[in-house]
C-alpha atoms as a PDB file:
ATOM      1  CA  MET A   1     -23.475 112.929-110.337  1.00  0.00           C
ATOM      2  CA  LEU A   2     -25.416 109.774-110.806  1.00  0.00           C
ATOM      3  CA  ALA A   3     -26.562 108.607-113.762  1.00  0.00           C
ATOM      4  CA  PRO A   4     -30.333 108.332-114.872  1.00  0.00           C
ATOM      5  CA  ASN A   5     -30.793 104.658-113.587  1.00  0.00           C
ATOM      6  CA  GLU A   6     -28.273 104.562-110.723  1.00  0.00           C
ATOM      7  CA  PRO A   7     -30.145 104.290-107.506  1.00  0.00           C
ATOM      8  CA  GLY A   8     -29.907 107.260-105.321  1.00  0.00           C
ATOM      9  CA  PRO A   9     -28.828 106.331-101.318  1.00  0.00           C
ATOM     10  CA  ALA A  10     -32.509 106.611-100.350  1.00  0.00           C
ATOM     11  CA  ALA A  11     -33.589 104.240-103.170  1.00  0.00           C
ATOM     12  CA  ILE A  12     -30.319 102.136-102.117  1.00  0.00           C
ATOM     13  CA  SER A  13     -31.658 101.986 -97.833  1.00  0.00           C
ATOM     14  CA  ALA A  14     -35.208 101.752 -98.534  1.00  0.00           C
ATOM     15  CA  PRO A  15     -35.371  97.920 -98.371  1.00  0.00           C
ATOM     16  CA  GLY A  16     -33.466  97.851 -95.260  1.00  0.00           C
ATOM     17  CA  GLY A  17     -35.024 100.192 -93.744  1.00  0.00           C
ATOM     18  CA  SER A  18     -38.482  98.704 -94.672  1.00  0.00           C
ATOM     19  CA  ARG A  19     -37.396  95.423 -93.884  1.00  0.00           C
ATOM     20  CA  LEU A  20     -36.103  96.526 -90.337  1.00  0.00           C
ATOM     21  CA  GLY A  21     -39.537  98.909 -89.981  1.00  0.00           C
ATOM     22  CA  ALA A  22     -41.559  95.909 -90.779  1.00  0.00           C
ATOM     23  CA  GLY A  23     -39.833  93.643 -87.927  1.00  0.00           C
ATOM     24  CA  TRP A  24     -40.435  96.224 -85.351  1.00  0.00           C
ATOM     25  CA  ILE A  25     -43.867  96.637 -86.368  1.00  0.00           C
ATOM     26  CA  GLN A  26     -44.036  92.496 -86.273  1.00  0.00           C
ATOM     27  CA  SER A  27     -42.229  92.427 -82.860  1.00  0.00           C
ATOM     28  CA  SER A  28     -45.021  95.032 -81.368  1.00  0.00           C
ATOM     29  CA  ILE A  29     -48.187  93.564 -82.528  1.00  0.00           C
ATOM     30  CA  ILE A  30     -46.848  89.939 -81.216  1.00  0.00           C
ATOM     31  CA  LEU A  31     -45.545  91.992 -78.149  1.00  0.00           C
ATOM     32  CA  GLY A  32     -49.200  93.499 -77.922  1.00  0.00           C
ATOM     33  CA  LEU A  33     -51.201  90.222 -78.389  1.00  0.00           C
ATOM     34  CA  ILE A  34     -48.997  88.898 -75.687  1.00  0.00           C
ATOM     35  CA  LEU A  35     -50.023  91.536 -72.926  1.00  0.00           C
ATOM     36  CA  VAL A  36     -53.498  90.901 -74.081  1.00  0.00           C
ATOM     37  CA  LEU A  37     -53.899  87.498 -73.922  1.00  0.00           C
ATOM     38  CA  TYR A  38     -51.660  86.718 -70.701  1.00  0.00           C
ATOM     39  CA  HIS A  39     -52.021  90.336 -68.673  1.00  0.00           C
ATOM     40  CA  ARG A  40     -53.991  88.655 -65.977  1.00  0.00           C
ATOM     41  CA  VAL A  41     -51.910  85.309 -66.002  1.00  0.00           C
ATOM     42  CA  PHE A  42     -48.603  88.166 -65.343  1.00  0.00           C
ATOM     43  CA  ALA A  43     -50.444  90.036 -63.043  1.00  0.00           C
ATOM     44  CA  LEU A  44     -51.755  86.767 -60.622  1.00  0.00           C
ATOM     45  CA  LEU A  45     -47.932  85.535 -60.985  1.00  0.00           C
ATOM     46  CA  PHE A  46     -46.312  88.713 -59.857  1.00  0.00           C
ATOM     47  CA  LYS A  47     -48.618  89.316 -57.007  1.00  0.00           C
ATOM     48  CA  GLN A  48     -47.613  85.366 -55.721  1.00  0.00           C
ATOM     49  CA  TRP A  49     -43.452  86.552 -56.559  1.00  0.00           C
ATOM     50  CA  ARG A  50     -44.240  89.408 -54.293  1.00  0.00           C
ATOM     51  CA  THR A  51     -46.495  87.447 -51.556  1.00  0.00           C
ATOM     52  CA  ASP A  52     -45.369  83.945 -51.226  1.00  0.00           C
ATOM     53  CA  PRO A  53     -41.328  84.319 -49.521  1.00  0.00           C
ATOM     54  CA  ASN A  54     -40.849  80.615 -51.235  1.00  0.00           C
ATOM     55  CA  PHE A  55     -41.059  81.696 -55.085  1.00  0.00           C
ATOM     56  CA  SER A  56     -39.869  85.584 -54.283  1.00  0.00           C
ATOM     57  CA  HIS A  57     -36.634  84.704 -56.621  1.00  0.00           C
ATOM     58  CA  GLY A  58     -39.096  84.643 -59.323  1.00  0.00           C
ATOM     59  CA  PHE A  59     -38.312  88.116 -59.766  1.00  0.00           C
ATOM     60  CA  PHE A  60     -34.796  87.817 -61.006  1.00  0.00           C
ATOM     61  CA  VAL A  61     -35.428  84.631 -63.127  1.00  0.00           C
ATOM     62  CA  PRO A  62     -36.686  86.381 -66.535  1.00  0.00           C
ATOM     63  CA  LEU A  63     -33.747  89.222 -65.767  1.00  0.00           C
ATOM     64  CA  LEU A  64     -31.180  86.248 -65.644  1.00  0.00           C
ATOM     65  CA  SER A  65     -32.740  84.543 -68.790  1.00  0.00           C
ATOM     66  CA  ALA A  66     -32.642  87.765 -70.817  1.00  0.00           C
ATOM     67  CA  TYR A  67     -29.137  88.343 -69.644  1.00  0.00           C
ATOM     68  CA  LEU A  68     -27.903  85.043 -71.086  1.00  0.00           C
ATOM     69  CA  VAL A  69     -29.699  85.516 -74.208  1.00  0.00           C
ATOM     70  CA  TRP A  70     -27.838  89.273 -74.055  1.00  0.00           C
ATOM     71  CA  GLN A  71     -24.487  87.303 -73.744  1.00  0.00           C
ATOM     72  CA  SER A  72     -25.271  84.783 -76.745  1.00  0.00           C
ATOM     73  CA  ARG A  73     -26.240  87.899 -79.052  1.00  0.00           C
ATOM     74  CA  GLU A  74     -22.866  87.067 -81.556  1.00  0.00           C
ATOM     75  CA  LYS A  75     -23.404  83.926 -81.401  1.00  0.00           C
ATOM     76  CA  LEU A  76     -27.163  83.743 -82.585  1.00  0.00           C
ATOM     77  CA  ALA A  77     -26.130  86.240 -85.094  1.00  0.00           C
ATOM     78  CA  ARG A  78     -23.946  83.591 -86.674  1.00  0.00           C
ATOM     79  CA  ILE A  79     -26.890  81.063 -86.622  1.00  0.00           C
ATOM     80  CA  PRO A  80     -28.312  81.281 -90.093  1.00  0.00           C
ATOM     81  CA  ARG A  81     -32.501  81.718 -89.853  1.00  0.00           C
ATOM     82  CA  GLN A  82     -34.501  78.590 -91.167  1.00  0.00           C
ATOM     83  CA  PRO A  83     -38.223  79.630 -89.697  1.00  0.00           C
ATOM     84  CA  SER A  84     -39.901  76.128 -88.904  1.00  0.00           C
ATOM     85  CA  LEU A  85     -43.921  75.982 -89.531  1.00  0.00           C
ATOM     86  CA  LEU A  86     -43.719  73.547 -86.465  1.00  0.00           C
ATOM     87  CA  GLY A  87     -43.396  76.345 -84.325  1.00  0.00           C
ATOM     88  CA  LEU A  88     -47.157  77.330 -85.157  1.00  0.00           C
ATOM     89  CA  ILE A  89     -47.983  73.761 -83.257  1.00  0.00           C
ATOM     90  CA  LEU A  90     -46.256  74.845 -80.091  1.00  0.00           C
ATOM     91  CA  VAL A  91     -47.942  78.351 -80.471  1.00  0.00           C
ATOM     92  CA  ALA A  92     -51.537  76.600 -80.921  1.00  0.00           C
ATOM     93  CA  PHE A  93     -50.357  73.909 -78.217  1.00  0.00           C
ATOM     94  CA  SER A  94     -49.735  77.031 -75.414  1.00  0.00           C
ATOM     95  CA  MET A  95     -52.761  78.692 -76.646  1.00  0.00           C
ATOM     96  CA  ALA A  96     -54.757  75.512 -75.895  1.00  0.00           C
ATOM     97  CA  MET A  97     -53.019  74.962 -72.346  1.00  0.00           C
ATOM     98  CA  LEU A  98     -53.743  78.858 -71.543  1.00  0.00           C
ATOM     99  CA  VAL A  99     -57.633  78.428 -72.404  1.00  0.00           C
ATOM    100  CA  LEU A 100     -57.699  75.141 -70.029  1.00  0.00           C
ATOM    101  CA  GLY A 101     -55.400  76.818 -67.391  1.00  0.00           C
ATOM    102  CA  VAL A 102     -57.644  79.724 -67.398  1.00  0.00           C
ATOM    103  CA  LEU A 103     -61.202  77.879 -67.721  1.00  0.00           C
ATOM    104  CA  GLY A 104     -59.783  75.318 -65.007  1.00  0.00           C
ATOM    105  CA  ALA A 105     -58.556  78.042 -62.683  1.00  0.00           C
ATOM    106  CA  GLU A 106     -55.194  76.335 -62.876  1.00  0.00           C
ATOM    107  CA  LEU A 107     -52.648  78.726 -62.379  1.00  0.00           C
ATOM    108  CA  PHE A 108     -49.840  76.646 -63.255  1.00  0.00           C
ATOM    109  CA  THR A 109     -51.030  75.351 -66.685  1.00  0.00           C
ATOM    110  CA  SER A 110     -51.571  78.882 -68.021  1.00  0.00           C
ATOM    111  CA  ARG A 111     -48.085  80.113 -66.988  1.00  0.00           C
ATOM    112  CA  VAL A 112     -46.423  77.291 -68.376  1.00  0.00           C
ATOM    113  CA  SER A 113     -48.566  78.268 -71.432  1.00  0.00           C
ATOM    114  CA  PHE A 114     -46.413  81.405 -71.758  1.00  0.00           C
ATOM    115  CA  VAL A 115     -43.468  79.622 -71.832  1.00  0.00           C
ATOM    116  CA  VAL A 116     -44.177  76.824 -74.355  1.00  0.00           C
ATOM    117  CA  LEU A 117     -45.598  79.882 -76.431  1.00  0.00           C
ATOM    118  CA  LEU A 118     -42.173  81.413 -76.309  1.00  0.00           C
ATOM    119  CA  ALA A 119     -40.441  78.229 -77.984  1.00  0.00           C
ATOM    120  CA  GLY A 120     -43.472  78.038 -80.528  1.00  0.00           C
ATOM    121  CA  LEU A 121     -42.439  81.970 -81.696  1.00  0.00           C
ATOM    122  CA  ILE A 122     -38.668  81.414 -81.606  1.00  0.00           C
ATOM    123  CA  VAL A 123     -39.090  77.973 -84.036  1.00  0.00           C
ATOM    124  CA  TYR A 124     -41.120  79.937 -85.836  1.00  0.00           C
ATOM    125  CA  PHE A 125     -39.348  83.143 -86.664  1.00  0.00           C
ATOM    126  CA  PHE A 126     -36.026  81.412 -86.140  1.00  0.00           C
ATOM    127  CA  GLY A 127     -35.618  78.029 -86.478  1.00  0.00           C
ATOM    128  CA  TRP A 128     -34.555  75.009 -84.478  1.00  0.00           C
ATOM    129  CA  ALA A 129     -30.900  76.040 -84.500  1.00  0.00           C
ATOM    130  CA  HIS A 130     -31.566  79.086 -82.427  1.00  0.00           C
ATOM    131  CA  PHE A 131     -33.911  77.435 -80.065  1.00  0.00           C
ATOM    132  CA  ARG A 132     -31.342  74.877 -79.043  1.00  0.00           C
ATOM    133  CA  ALA A 133     -28.880  78.207 -79.099  1.00  0.00           C
ATOM    134  CA  LEU A 134     -31.188  79.305 -76.733  1.00  0.00           C
ATOM    135  CA  LEU A 135     -32.215  76.292 -74.695  1.00  0.00           C
ATOM    136  CA  PHE A 136     -30.764  77.021 -71.460  1.00  0.00           C
ATOM    137  CA  PRO A 137     -32.247  80.419 -71.074  1.00  0.00           C
ATOM    138  CA  TRP A 138     -35.828  79.331 -72.102  1.00  0.00           C
ATOM    139  CA  ALA A 139     -35.589  76.067 -69.915  1.00  0.00           C
ATOM    140  CA  LEU A 140     -34.558  78.502 -66.716  1.00  0.00           C
ATOM    141  CA  LEU A 141     -38.202  80.505 -67.273  1.00  0.00           C
ATOM    142  CA  LEU A 142     -39.559  77.282 -65.832  1.00  0.00           C
ATOM    143  CA  LEU A 143     -38.017  78.070 -62.617  1.00  0.00           C
ATOM    144  CA  MET A 144     -39.809  81.429 -62.043  1.00  0.00           C
ATOM    145  CA  ILE A 145     -43.300  79.497 -62.032  1.00  0.00           C
ATOM    146  CA  PRO A 146     -44.466  78.556 -58.611  1.00  0.00           C
ATOM    147  CA  ILE A 147     -44.801  74.532 -57.828  1.00  0.00           C
ATOM    148  CA  PRO A 148     -48.581  74.082 -57.736  1.00  0.00           C
ATOM    149  CA  GLU A 149     -50.310  73.690 -54.121  1.00  0.00           C
ATOM    150  CA  LEU A 150     -50.922  69.929 -54.525  1.00  0.00           C
ATOM    151  CA  ILE A 151     -47.136  69.065 -55.426  1.00  0.00           C
ATOM    152  CA  MET A 152     -45.758  71.934 -52.688  1.00  0.00           C
ATOM    153  CA  ASN A 153     -47.607  69.730 -49.707  1.00  0.00           C
ATOM    154  CA  GLN A 154     -46.387  66.409 -51.136  1.00  0.00           C
ATOM    155  CA  VAL A 155     -42.863  67.695 -50.755  1.00  0.00           C
ATOM    156  CA  THR A 156     -43.365  70.041 -47.401  1.00  0.00           C
ATOM    157  CA  ILE A 157     -44.752  67.759 -45.403  1.00  0.00           C
ATOM    158  CA  PRO A 158     -42.292  64.983 -45.605  1.00  0.00           C
ATOM    159  CA  LEU A 159     -39.575  67.782 -44.967  1.00  0.00           C
ATOM    160  CA  GLN A 160     -41.173  69.141 -42.097  1.00  0.00           C
ATOM    161  CA  PHE A 161     -41.081  65.180 -40.624  1.00  0.00           C
ATOM    162  CA  VAL A 162     -37.312  64.837 -41.672  1.00  0.00           C
ATOM    163  CA  ALA A 163     -36.244  68.250 -40.001  1.00  0.00           C
ATOM    164  CA  SER A 164     -38.006  67.399 -37.298  1.00  0.00           C
ATOM    165  CA  ARG A 165     -36.290  64.154 -36.800  1.00  0.00           C
ATOM    166  CA  LEU A 166     -32.952  65.325 -37.697  1.00  0.00           C
ATOM    167  CA  ALA A 167     -33.314  68.107 -35.327  1.00  0.00           C
ATOM    168  CA  THR A 168     -34.216  65.862 -32.555  1.00  0.00           C
ATOM    169  CA  TRP A 169     -31.327  63.882 -33.083  1.00  0.00           C
ATOM    170  CA  MET A 170     -29.056  66.662 -32.987  1.00  0.00           C
ATOM    171  CA  LEU A 171     -30.374  67.581 -29.505  1.00  0.00           C
ATOM    172  CA  GLU A 172     -29.946  64.136 -28.137  1.00  0.00           C
ATOM    173  CA  ALA A 173     -26.578  63.888 -29.657  1.00  0.00           C
ATOM    174  CA  LEU A 174     -26.183  66.952 -27.210  1.00  0.00           C
ATOM    175  CA  SER A 175     -27.790  64.860 -24.206  1.00  0.00           C
ATOM    176  CA  ILE A 176     -30.721  67.776 -23.992  1.00  0.00           C
ATOM    177  CA  PRO A 177     -34.144  66.221 -23.259  1.00  0.00           C
ATOM    178  CA  VAL A 178     -36.374  65.955 -25.501  1.00  0.00           C
ATOM    179  CA  LEU A 179     -39.201  64.506 -26.963  1.00  0.00           C
ATOM    180  CA  ARG A 180     -40.834  64.325 -30.748  1.00  0.00           C
ATOM    181  CA  GLU A 181     -44.509  63.636 -31.816  1.00  0.00           C
ATOM    182  CA  GLY A 182     -44.616  63.914 -35.628  1.00  0.00           C
ATOM    183  CA  ASN A 183     -43.570  67.852 -36.732  1.00  0.00           C
ATOM    184  CA  ILE A 184     -43.613  68.854 -32.898  1.00  0.00           C
ATOM    185  CA  ILE A 185     -40.513  68.971 -30.629  1.00  0.00           C
ATOM    186  CA  TYR A 186     -41.169  69.416 -26.654  1.00  0.00           C
ATOM    187  CA  LEU A 187     -38.471  70.581 -25.021  1.00  0.00           C
ATOM    188  CA  SER A 188     -38.161  71.333 -21.286  1.00  0.00           C
ATOM    189  CA  ASN A 189     -38.868  75.057 -21.277  1.00  0.00           C
ATOM    190  CA  ILE A 190     -40.516  75.336 -24.806  1.00  0.00           C
ATOM    191  CA  THR A 191     -42.531  73.289 -27.489  1.00  0.00           C
ATOM    192  CA  LEU A 192     -41.400  73.785 -31.140  1.00  0.00           C
ATOM    193  CA  GLU A 193     -43.962  72.944 -33.949  1.00  0.00           C
ATOM    194  CA  VAL A 194     -42.186  72.405 -37.054  1.00  0.00           C
ATOM    195  CA  ALA A 195     -44.582  74.114 -39.601  1.00  0.00           C
ATOM    196  CA  GLN A 196     -44.491  74.376 -43.420  1.00  0.00           C
ATOM    197  CA  ALA A 197     -42.598  77.876 -43.395  1.00  0.00           C
ATOM    198  CA  CYS A 198     -39.921  76.128 -41.246  1.00  0.00           C
ATOM    199  CA  SER A 199     -39.735  73.133 -43.450  1.00  0.00           C
ATOM    200  CA  GLY A 200     -36.801  74.108 -45.613  1.00  0.00           C
ATOM    201  CA  ILE A 201     -38.626  74.224 -48.729  1.00  0.00           C
ATOM    202  CA  ARG A 202     -37.850  78.051 -49.674  1.00  0.00           C
ATOM    203  CA  SER A 203     -33.978  77.175 -49.349  1.00  0.00           C
ATOM    204  CA  LEU A 204     -34.316  74.217 -50.935  1.00  0.00           C
ATOM    205  CA  ILE A 205     -35.921  75.680 -53.979  1.00  0.00           C
ATOM    206  CA  SER A 206     -33.844  79.308 -53.610  1.00  0.00           C
ATOM    207  CA  LEU A 207     -30.510  76.766 -53.505  1.00  0.00           C
ATOM    208  CA  ALA A 208     -31.495  74.330 -56.482  1.00  0.00           C
ATOM    209  CA  THR A 209     -32.473  77.320 -58.654  1.00  0.00           C
ATOM    210  CA  LEU A 210     -28.824  79.174 -57.608  1.00  0.00           C
ATOM    211  CA  ALA A 211     -26.974  74.992 -57.887  1.00  0.00           C
ATOM    212  CA  ILE A 212     -28.938  75.256 -61.763  1.00  0.00           C
ATOM    213  CA  VAL A 213     -26.990  78.897 -62.388  1.00  0.00           C
ATOM    214  CA  TYR A 214     -23.583  78.212 -60.560  1.00  0.00           C
ATOM    215  CA  GLY A 215     -23.626  74.927 -62.445  1.00  0.00           C
ATOM    216  CA  TYR A 216     -24.533  76.620 -65.707  1.00  0.00           C
ATOM    217  CA  PHE A 217     -21.885  79.629 -65.334  1.00  0.00           C
ATOM    218  CA  MET A 218     -18.749  77.168 -63.484  1.00  0.00           C
ATOM    219  CA  GLU A 219     -18.853  74.017 -64.901  1.00  0.00           C
ATOM    220  CA  ARG A 220     -18.516  72.415 -68.451  1.00  0.00           C
ATOM    221  CA  ARG A 221     -18.897  68.661 -67.208  1.00  0.00           C
ATOM    222  CA  LEU A 222     -22.871  67.580 -67.539  1.00  0.00           C
ATOM    223  CA  TRP A 223     -22.291  65.502 -64.802  1.00  0.00           C
ATOM    224  CA  ALA A 224     -20.726  67.722 -62.496  1.00  0.00           C
ATOM    225  CA  ARG A 225     -23.910  70.561 -62.619  1.00  0.00           C
ATOM    226  CA  ILE A 226     -26.381  67.313 -62.264  1.00  0.00           C
ATOM    227  CA  VAL A 227     -24.244  66.300 -58.987  1.00  0.00           C
ATOM    228  CA  LEU A 228     -24.411  69.795 -58.115  1.00  0.00           C
ATOM    229  CA  LEU A 229     -28.322  70.353 -58.436  1.00  0.00           C
ATOM    230  CA  ALA A 230     -28.633  67.008 -56.381  1.00  0.00           C
ATOM    231  CA  ALA A 231     -26.034  68.043 -53.402  1.00  0.00           C
ATOM    232  CA  ALA A 232     -28.497  70.689 -53.185  1.00  0.00           C
ATOM    233  CA  VAL A 233     -31.441  68.995 -51.486  1.00  0.00           C
ATOM    234  CA  PRO A 234     -29.487  67.174 -48.525  1.00  0.00           C
ATOM    235  CA  ILE A 235     -27.701  70.408 -47.916  1.00  0.00           C
ATOM    236  CA  SER A 236     -30.936  72.244 -47.387  1.00  0.00           C
ATOM    237  CA  VAL A 237     -32.567  69.460 -45.487  1.00  0.00           C
ATOM    238  CA  VAL A 238     -29.224  69.217 -43.210  1.00  0.00           C
ATOM    239  CA  VAL A 239     -28.801  72.706 -42.704  1.00  0.00           C
ATOM    240  CA  ASN A 240     -32.397  73.139 -41.748  1.00  0.00           C
ATOM    241  CA  GLY A 241     -32.140  70.426 -39.288  1.00  0.00           C
ATOM    242  CA  PHE A 242     -29.050  72.699 -37.718  1.00  0.00           C
ATOM    243  CA  ARG A 243     -31.675  75.613 -37.523  1.00  0.00           C
ATOM    244  CA  ILE A 244     -34.298  74.194 -35.583  1.00  0.00           C
ATOM    245  CA  ALA A 245     -32.156  72.414 -33.449  1.00  0.00           C
ATOM    246  CA  GLY A 246     -29.767  75.868 -33.032  1.00  0.00           C
ATOM    247  CA  THR A 247     -33.729  77.548 -32.284  1.00  0.00           C
ATOM    248  CA  GLY A 248     -33.575  75.132 -29.361  1.00  0.00           C
ATOM    249  CA  LEU A 249     -30.834  75.120 -28.244  1.00  0.00           C
ATOM    250  CA  THR A 250     -31.311  78.924 -27.890  1.00  0.00           C
ATOM    251  CA  ALA A 251     -34.383  78.800 -25.889  1.00  0.00           C
ATOM    252  CA  ARG A 252     -32.964  76.366 -23.478  1.00  0.00           C
ATOM    253  CA  TYR A 253     -30.043  77.704 -22.707  1.00  0.00           C
ATOM    254  CA  TRP A 254     -30.926  81.542 -23.550  1.00  0.00           C
ATOM    255  CA  ASN A 255     -34.391  82.554 -23.655  1.00  0.00           C
ATOM    256  CA  PRO A 256     -37.395  81.058 -25.277  1.00  0.00           C
ATOM    257  CA  ASP A 257     -38.829  84.240 -26.902  1.00  0.00           C
ATOM    258  CA  LYS A 258     -35.211  85.271 -28.394  1.00  0.00           C
ATOM    259  CA  ALA A 259     -35.352  82.024 -29.674  1.00  0.00           C
ATOM    260  CA  LEU A 260     -38.768  82.110 -31.692  1.00  0.00           C
ATOM    261  CA  GLY A 261     -37.997  85.682 -32.593  1.00  0.00           C
ATOM    262  CA  PHE A 262     -34.624  87.258 -33.122  1.00  0.00           C
ATOM    263  CA  PHE A 263     -32.832  84.191 -33.852  1.00  0.00           C
ATOM    264  CA  HIS A 264     -35.493  82.209 -35.858  1.00  0.00           C
ATOM    265  CA  GLU A 265     -35.281  85.093 -37.954  1.00  0.00           C
ATOM    266  CA  PHE A 266     -31.234  85.750 -38.159  1.00  0.00           C
ATOM    267  CA  SER A 267     -30.662  82.346 -38.431  1.00  0.00           C
ATOM    268  CA  GLY A 268     -33.033  82.079 -41.930  1.00  0.00           C
ATOM    269  CA  TRP A 269     -30.173  84.182 -43.486  1.00  0.00           C
ATOM    270  CA  LEU A 270     -27.181  82.711 -41.582  1.00  0.00           C
ATOM    271  CA  ILE A 271     -28.338  79.096 -42.532  1.00  0.00           C
ATOM    272  CA  PHE A 272     -28.777  80.130 -46.112  1.00  0.00           C
ATOM    273  CA  LEU A 273     -25.307  81.393 -46.231  1.00  0.00           C
ATOM    274  CA  LEU A 274     -24.003  78.257 -44.619  1.00  0.00           C
ATOM    275  CA  SER A 275     -25.880  76.361 -47.676  1.00  0.00           C
ATOM    276  CA  LEU A 276     -24.111  78.029 -49.989  1.00  0.00           C
ATOM    277  CA  GLY A 277     -21.052  77.870 -48.573  1.00  0.00           C
ATOM    278  CA  LEU A 278     -21.680  73.695 -48.499  1.00  0.00           C
ATOM    279  CA  LEU A 279     -22.126  74.243 -52.305  1.00  0.00           C
ATOM    280  CA  PHE A 280     -19.681  75.859 -52.868  1.00  0.00           C
ATOM    281  CA  ALA A 281     -17.405  73.466 -51.201  1.00  0.00           C
ATOM    282  CA  VAL A 282     -19.152  70.165 -52.939  1.00  0.00           C
ATOM    283  CA  GLN A 283     -18.022  72.418 -56.488  1.00  0.00           C
ATOM    284  CA  ALA A 284     -14.593  72.569 -55.268  1.00  0.00           C
ATOM    285  CA  LEU A 285     -14.341  68.728 -54.518  1.00  0.00           C
ATOM    286  CA  LEU A 286     -15.689  68.239 -58.088  1.00  0.00           C
ATOM    287  CA  ARG A 287     -12.947  70.373 -59.335  1.00  0.00           C
ATOM    288  CA  LEU A 288     -10.032  68.405 -57.526  1.00  0.00           C
ATOM    289  CA  ALA A 289     -11.703  65.173 -58.041  1.00  0.00           C
ATOM    290  CA  GLY A 290     -11.587  65.816 -61.946  1.00  0.00           C
ATOM    291  CA  GLY A 291      -8.023  67.270 -61.801  1.00  0.00           C
ATOM    292  CA  ARG A 292      -7.017  64.199 -60.225  1.00  0.00           C
ATOM    293  CA  ALA A 293      -8.690  61.922 -62.467  1.00  0.00           C
ATOM    294  CA  LYS A 294      -7.322  63.735 -65.709  1.00  0.00           C
ATOM    295  CA  GLU A 295      -3.543  63.627 -63.970  1.00  0.00           C
ATOM    296  CA  ALA A 296      -4.065  59.632 -63.347  1.00  0.00           C
ATOM    297  CA  ALA A 297      -5.479  59.599 -67.021  1.00  0.00           C
ATOM    298  CA  ASN A 298      -2.602  61.344 -68.181  1.00  0.00           C
ATOM    299  CA  ALA A 299       0.133  59.464 -65.845  1.00  0.00           C
END
């Protein structure tokens, strides 16, 4: 029997239950406000993921980021909460970015503002230690945001010329008569135009994203992660040159219609798998070099 002044089970659990209930209410309110503020931004972002093949990987980035947070849940639970009012500065900055992005019809700014908002909320409610622990999954969210069209054009146009030049060199090395004018390749029975879609930007973005994620899971050495990311660029460029040269070979020795139809579509997947294989080969070489360096240091 309990003494008159001794709290019962309900009284003992009430404070914890109240805090838990208050936390859910607080989270629900914040989530509701985010949906109200960003519903149009999210809608346009999802639409671009669905319609733009260059950024279709955007669907998977938030899921991967959420998985990384879930994977770190025990580590996060051990970090003491030290909320910081500096998080409100980041929240205010993100709101300013959102207003400027919406008023100026600048999708990139309004989308980045959401990522900045998440940083502010983490710092304000949990502290800088939690934000440092969540830095990679947070930064990973930036990869879901499509690159502005102005920057895309600045990147894809040089890629078109580089891919055309590489494909021409490969065809000439095989003693095939070929003439190149800019991004247009003339063969005896077909003319190939290396358009924006064939510049290799799609495989470059996808391979760079995979290089970042693969390096995070498979490499603890920072310099090795940087090398993997840097290697994604020449791998994508060279392999895309092979694809265009392969299209030219198919047109010359088989059928021009097949070259621009089945082969062109199928080779995209084949070339991407080749790019992945080369990326894995680079990582294997880095491990081999690291192992030999360690043996030399211990000798």
